[in-house]
Protein backbone atom coordinates (compact mmCIF):
# COMPACT_ATOMS: atom_id res chain seq x y z
CA UNK A 1 0.00 0.00 0.00
CA UNK A 2 1.24 3.47 -0.86
CA UNK A 3 2.00 5.84 2.02
CA UNK A 4 -0.12 8.84 1.04
CA UNK A 5 1.53 11.13 3.59
CA UNK A 6 4.79 11.04 1.58
CA UNK A 7 3.22 12.14 -1.71
CA UNK A 8 3.42 15.69 -3.01
CA UNK A 9 0.35 17.86 -3.54
CA UNK A 10 -0.14 17.05 -7.23
CA UNK A 11 0.71 13.36 -6.78
CA UNK A 12 -1.78 13.08 -3.92
CA UNK A 13 -4.48 14.73 -6.03
CA UNK A 14 -3.83 12.28 -8.88
CA UNK A 15 -3.83 9.33 -6.46
CA UNK A 16 -7.17 10.38 -5.00
CA UNK A 17 -8.75 10.82 -8.44
CA UNK A 18 -7.27 7.73 -10.11
CA UNK A 19 -6.58 5.31 -7.27
CA UNK A 20 -3.31 3.91 -5.91
CA UNK A 21 -3.37 0.45 -7.46
CA UNK A 22 0.09 -0.20 -8.96
CA UNK A 23 1.34 3.21 -7.79
CA UNK A 24 5.01 3.69 -8.69
CA UNK A 25 5.17 0.42 -10.66
CA UNK A 26 3.11 0.97 -13.80
CA UNK A 27 2.10 4.27 -15.39
CA UNK A 28 0.17 4.95 -18.59
CA UNK A 29 -0.55 8.37 -20.05
CA UNK A 30 -3.86 7.08 -21.42
CA UNK A 31 -5.10 5.03 -18.46
CA UNK A 32 -3.90 7.12 -15.48
CA UNK A 33 -4.18 10.75 -14.34
CA UNK A 34 -1.30 12.85 -15.76
CA UNK A 35 0.42 15.46 -13.57
CA UNK A 36 3.73 17.36 -13.45
CA UNK A 37 6.54 17.75 -10.92
CA UNK A 38 9.54 20.09 -11.06
CA UNK A 39 12.95 18.49 -11.50
CA UNK A 40 15.51 18.79 -8.72
CA UNK A 41 18.24 21.35 -9.37
CA UNK A 42 21.52 19.79 -10.39
CA UNK A 43 24.91 21.06 -11.42
CA UNK A 44 26.11 21.19 -14.98
CA UNK A 45 24.33 21.52 -18.26
CA UNK A 46 20.66 20.71 -18.59
CA UNK A 47 19.18 18.96 -21.58
CA UNK A 48 17.17 21.03 -24.02
CA UNK A 49 13.44 20.52 -24.38
CA UNK A 50 12.26 18.68 -27.48
CA UNK A 51 8.95 20.56 -27.82
CA UNK A 52 10.65 23.07 -30.11
CA UNK A 53 11.21 25.99 -27.73
CA UNK A 54 14.90 25.30 -27.02
CA UNK A 55 14.54 25.95 -23.27
CA UNK A 56 16.14 23.63 -20.71
CA UNK A 57 14.21 20.68 -19.30
CA UNK A 58 12.72 21.79 -15.95
CA UNK A 59 9.74 19.48 -15.25
CA UNK A 60 8.81 15.83 -15.48
CA UNK A 61 5.51 14.37 -16.59
CA UNK A 62 4.17 11.76 -14.20
CA UNK A 63 1.33 9.24 -14.27
CA UNK A 64 0.56 6.84 -11.40
CA UNK A 65 3.83 7.75 -9.64
CA UNK A 66 6.03 6.92 -12.66
CA UNK A 67 7.98 9.50 -14.68
CA UNK A 68 6.98 9.18 -18.34
CA UNK A 69 8.54 12.27 -19.94
CA UNK A 70 10.63 15.38 -19.25
CA UNK A 71 10.30 18.80 -20.88
CA UNK A 72 10.10 22.53 -20.17
CA UNK A 73 7.23 23.87 -18.07
CA UNK A 74 5.15 24.80 -21.13
CA UNK A 75 5.72 21.39 -22.75
CA UNK A 76 4.73 19.49 -19.61
CA UNK A 77 1.64 21.66 -19.11
CA UNK A 78 0.66 20.84 -22.68
CA UNK A 79 1.34 17.12 -22.04
CA UNK A 80 -0.84 17.09 -18.90
CA UNK A 81 -3.76 18.59 -20.84
CA UNK A 82 -3.45 16.77 -24.19
CA UNK A 83 -1.03 13.87 -23.76
CA UNK A 84 1.46 15.34 -26.27
CA UNK A 85 4.42 17.65 -25.56
CA UNK A 86 4.64 19.17 -29.03
CA UNK A 87 1.93 21.62 -30.14
CA UNK A 88 -0.79 20.30 -32.44
CA UNK A 89 -0.69 21.53 -36.04
CA UNK A 90 -4.07 22.68 -37.29
CA UNK A 91 -3.02 23.66 -40.81
CA UNK A 92 -0.98 21.75 -43.44
C-alpha atoms as a PDB file:
ATOM      1  CA  UNK A   1       0.000   0.000   0.000  1.00  0.00           C
ATOM      2  CA  UNK A   2       1.242   3.467  -0.855  1.00  0.00           C
ATOM      3  CA  UNK A   3       2.004   5.841   2.021  1.00  0.00           C
ATOM      4  CA  UNK A   4      -0.122   8.836   1.036  1.00  0.00           C
ATOM      5  CA  UNK A   5       1.527  11.128   3.594  1.00  0.00           C
ATOM      6  CA  UNK A   6       4.789  11.038   1.583  1.00  0.00           C
ATOM      7  CA  UNK A   7       3.222  12.139  -1.711  1.00  0.00           C
ATOM      8  CA  UNK A   8       3.419  15.691  -3.006  1.00  0.00           C
ATOM      9  CA  UNK A   9       0.352  17.864  -3.545  1.00  0.00           C
ATOM     10  CA  UNK A  10      -0.140  17.045  -7.234  1.00  0.00           C
ATOM     11  CA  UNK A  11       0.709  13.362  -6.778  1.00  0.00           C
ATOM     12  CA  UNK A  12      -1.780  13.083  -3.920  1.00  0.00           C
ATOM     13  CA  UNK A  13      -4.476  14.730  -6.032  1.00  0.00           C
ATOM     14  CA  UNK A  14      -3.826  12.279  -8.882  1.00  0.00           C
ATOM     15  CA  UNK A  15      -3.833   9.330  -6.465  1.00  0.00           C
ATOM     16  CA  UNK A  16      -7.172  10.381  -4.997  1.00  0.00           C
ATOM     17  CA  UNK A  17      -8.753  10.820  -8.439  1.00  0.00           C
ATOM     18  CA  UNK A  18      -7.274   7.731 -10.114  1.00  0.00           C
ATOM     19  CA  UNK A  19      -6.578   5.313  -7.270  1.00  0.00           C
ATOM     20  CA  UNK A  20      -3.309   3.913  -5.907  1.00  0.00           C
ATOM     21  CA  UNK A  21      -3.366   0.449  -7.458  1.00  0.00           C
ATOM     22  CA  UNK A  22       0.087  -0.204  -8.960  1.00  0.00           C
ATOM     23  CA  UNK A  23       1.345   3.207  -7.785  1.00  0.00           C
ATOM     24  CA  UNK A  24       5.013   3.691  -8.692  1.00  0.00           C
ATOM     25  CA  UNK A  25       5.166   0.425 -10.657  1.00  0.00           C
ATOM     26  CA  UNK A  26       3.113   0.973 -13.800  1.00  0.00           C
ATOM     27  CA  UNK A  27       2.100   4.266 -15.390  1.00  0.00           C
ATOM     28  CA  UNK A  28       0.171   4.949 -18.588  1.00  0.00           C
ATOM     29  CA  UNK A  29      -0.549   8.366 -20.053  1.00  0.00           C
ATOM     30  CA  UNK A  30      -3.864   7.081 -21.424  1.00  0.00           C
ATOM     31  CA  UNK A  31      -5.102   5.032 -18.457  1.00  0.00           C
ATOM     32  CA  UNK A  32      -3.901   7.124 -15.482  1.00  0.00           C
ATOM     33  CA  UNK A  33      -4.181  10.752 -14.336  1.00  0.00           C
ATOM     34  CA  UNK A  34      -1.302  12.845 -15.757  1.00  0.00           C
ATOM     35  CA  UNK A  35       0.424  15.459 -13.575  1.00  0.00           C
ATOM     36  CA  UNK A  36       3.730  17.360 -13.445  1.00  0.00           C
ATOM     37  CA  UNK A  37       6.536  17.750 -10.924  1.00  0.00           C
ATOM     38  CA  UNK A  38       9.539  20.089 -11.061  1.00  0.00           C
ATOM     39  CA  UNK A  39      12.954  18.494 -11.501  1.00  0.00           C
ATOM     40  CA  UNK A  40      15.506  18.792  -8.723  1.00  0.00           C
ATOM     41  CA  UNK A  41      18.238  21.352  -9.372  1.00  0.00           C
ATOM     42  CA  UNK A  42      21.524  19.794 -10.395  1.00  0.00           C
ATOM     43  CA  UNK A  43      24.912  21.058 -11.419  1.00  0.00           C
ATOM     44  CA  UNK A  44      26.107  21.186 -14.976  1.00  0.00           C
ATOM     45  CA  UNK A  45      24.332  21.518 -18.259  1.00  0.00           C
ATOM     46  CA  UNK A  46      20.665  20.708 -18.588  1.00  0.00           C
ATOM     47  CA  UNK A  47      19.184  18.959 -21.575  1.00  0.00           C
ATOM     48  CA  UNK A  48      17.169  21.027 -24.022  1.00  0.00           C
ATOM     49  CA  UNK A  49      13.441  20.521 -24.380  1.00  0.00           C
ATOM     50  CA  UNK A  50      12.262  18.678 -27.478  1.00  0.00           C
ATOM     51  CA  UNK A  51       8.949  20.564 -27.816  1.00  0.00           C
ATOM     52  CA  UNK A  52      10.648  23.065 -30.111  1.00  0.00           C
ATOM     53  CA  UNK A  53      11.206  25.986 -27.728  1.00  0.00           C
ATOM     54  CA  UNK A  54      14.902  25.299 -27.018  1.00  0.00           C
ATOM     55  CA  UNK A  55      14.542  25.953 -23.269  1.00  0.00           C
ATOM     56  CA  UNK A  56      16.142  23.634 -20.708  1.00  0.00           C
ATOM     57  CA  UNK A  57      14.213  20.677 -19.301  1.00  0.00           C
ATOM     58  CA  UNK A  58      12.717  21.785 -15.953  1.00  0.00           C
ATOM     59  CA  UNK A  59       9.741  19.482 -15.253  1.00  0.00           C
ATOM     60  CA  UNK A  60       8.814  15.827 -15.485  1.00  0.00           C
ATOM     61  CA  UNK A  61       5.511  14.371 -16.591  1.00  0.00           C
ATOM     62  CA  UNK A  62       4.172  11.756 -14.196  1.00  0.00           C
ATOM     63  CA  UNK A  63       1.333   9.236 -14.265  1.00  0.00           C
ATOM     64  CA  UNK A  64       0.560   6.836 -11.395  1.00  0.00           C
ATOM     65  CA  UNK A  65       3.831   7.755  -9.640  1.00  0.00           C
ATOM     66  CA  UNK A  66       6.025   6.920 -12.663  1.00  0.00           C
ATOM     67  CA  UNK A  67       7.985   9.496 -14.679  1.00  0.00           C
ATOM     68  CA  UNK A  68       6.984   9.184 -18.341  1.00  0.00           C
ATOM     69  CA  UNK A  69       8.542  12.273 -19.941  1.00  0.00           C
ATOM     70  CA  UNK A  70      10.630  15.379 -19.248  1.00  0.00           C
ATOM     71  CA  UNK A  71      10.300  18.800 -20.876  1.00  0.00           C
ATOM     72  CA  UNK A  72      10.096  22.527 -20.167  1.00  0.00           C
ATOM     73  CA  UNK A  73       7.228  23.875 -18.070  1.00  0.00           C
ATOM     74  CA  UNK A  74       5.148  24.798 -21.128  1.00  0.00           C
ATOM     75  CA  UNK A  75       5.717  21.392 -22.748  1.00  0.00           C
ATOM     76  CA  UNK A  76       4.731  19.491 -19.609  1.00  0.00           C
ATOM     77  CA  UNK A  77       1.644  21.664 -19.105  1.00  0.00           C
ATOM     78  CA  UNK A  78       0.657  20.841 -22.681  1.00  0.00           C
ATOM     79  CA  UNK A  79       1.340  17.121 -22.040  1.00  0.00           C
ATOM     80  CA  UNK A  80      -0.839  17.088 -18.898  1.00  0.00           C
ATOM     81  CA  UNK A  81      -3.764  18.590 -20.836  1.00  0.00           C
ATOM     82  CA  UNK A  82      -3.453  16.770 -24.186  1.00  0.00           C
ATOM     83  CA  UNK A  83      -1.027  13.867 -23.756  1.00  0.00           C
ATOM     84  CA  UNK A  84       1.461  15.338 -26.267  1.00  0.00           C
ATOM     85  CA  UNK A  85       4.423  17.655 -25.562  1.00  0.00           C
ATOM     86  CA  UNK A  86       4.641  19.174 -29.026  1.00  0.00           C
ATOM     87  CA  UNK A  87       1.925  21.620 -30.136  1.00  0.00           C
ATOM     88  CA  UNK A  88      -0.786  20.301 -32.439  1.00  0.00           C
ATOM     89  CA  UNK A  89      -0.687  21.529 -36.039  1.00  0.00           C
ATOM     90  CA  UNK A  90      -4.075  22.677 -37.292  1.00  0.00           C
ATOM     91  CA  UNK A  91      -3.024  23.660 -40.810  1.00  0.00           C
ATOM     92  CA  UNK A  92      -0.976  21.748 -43.441  1.00  0.00           C
END
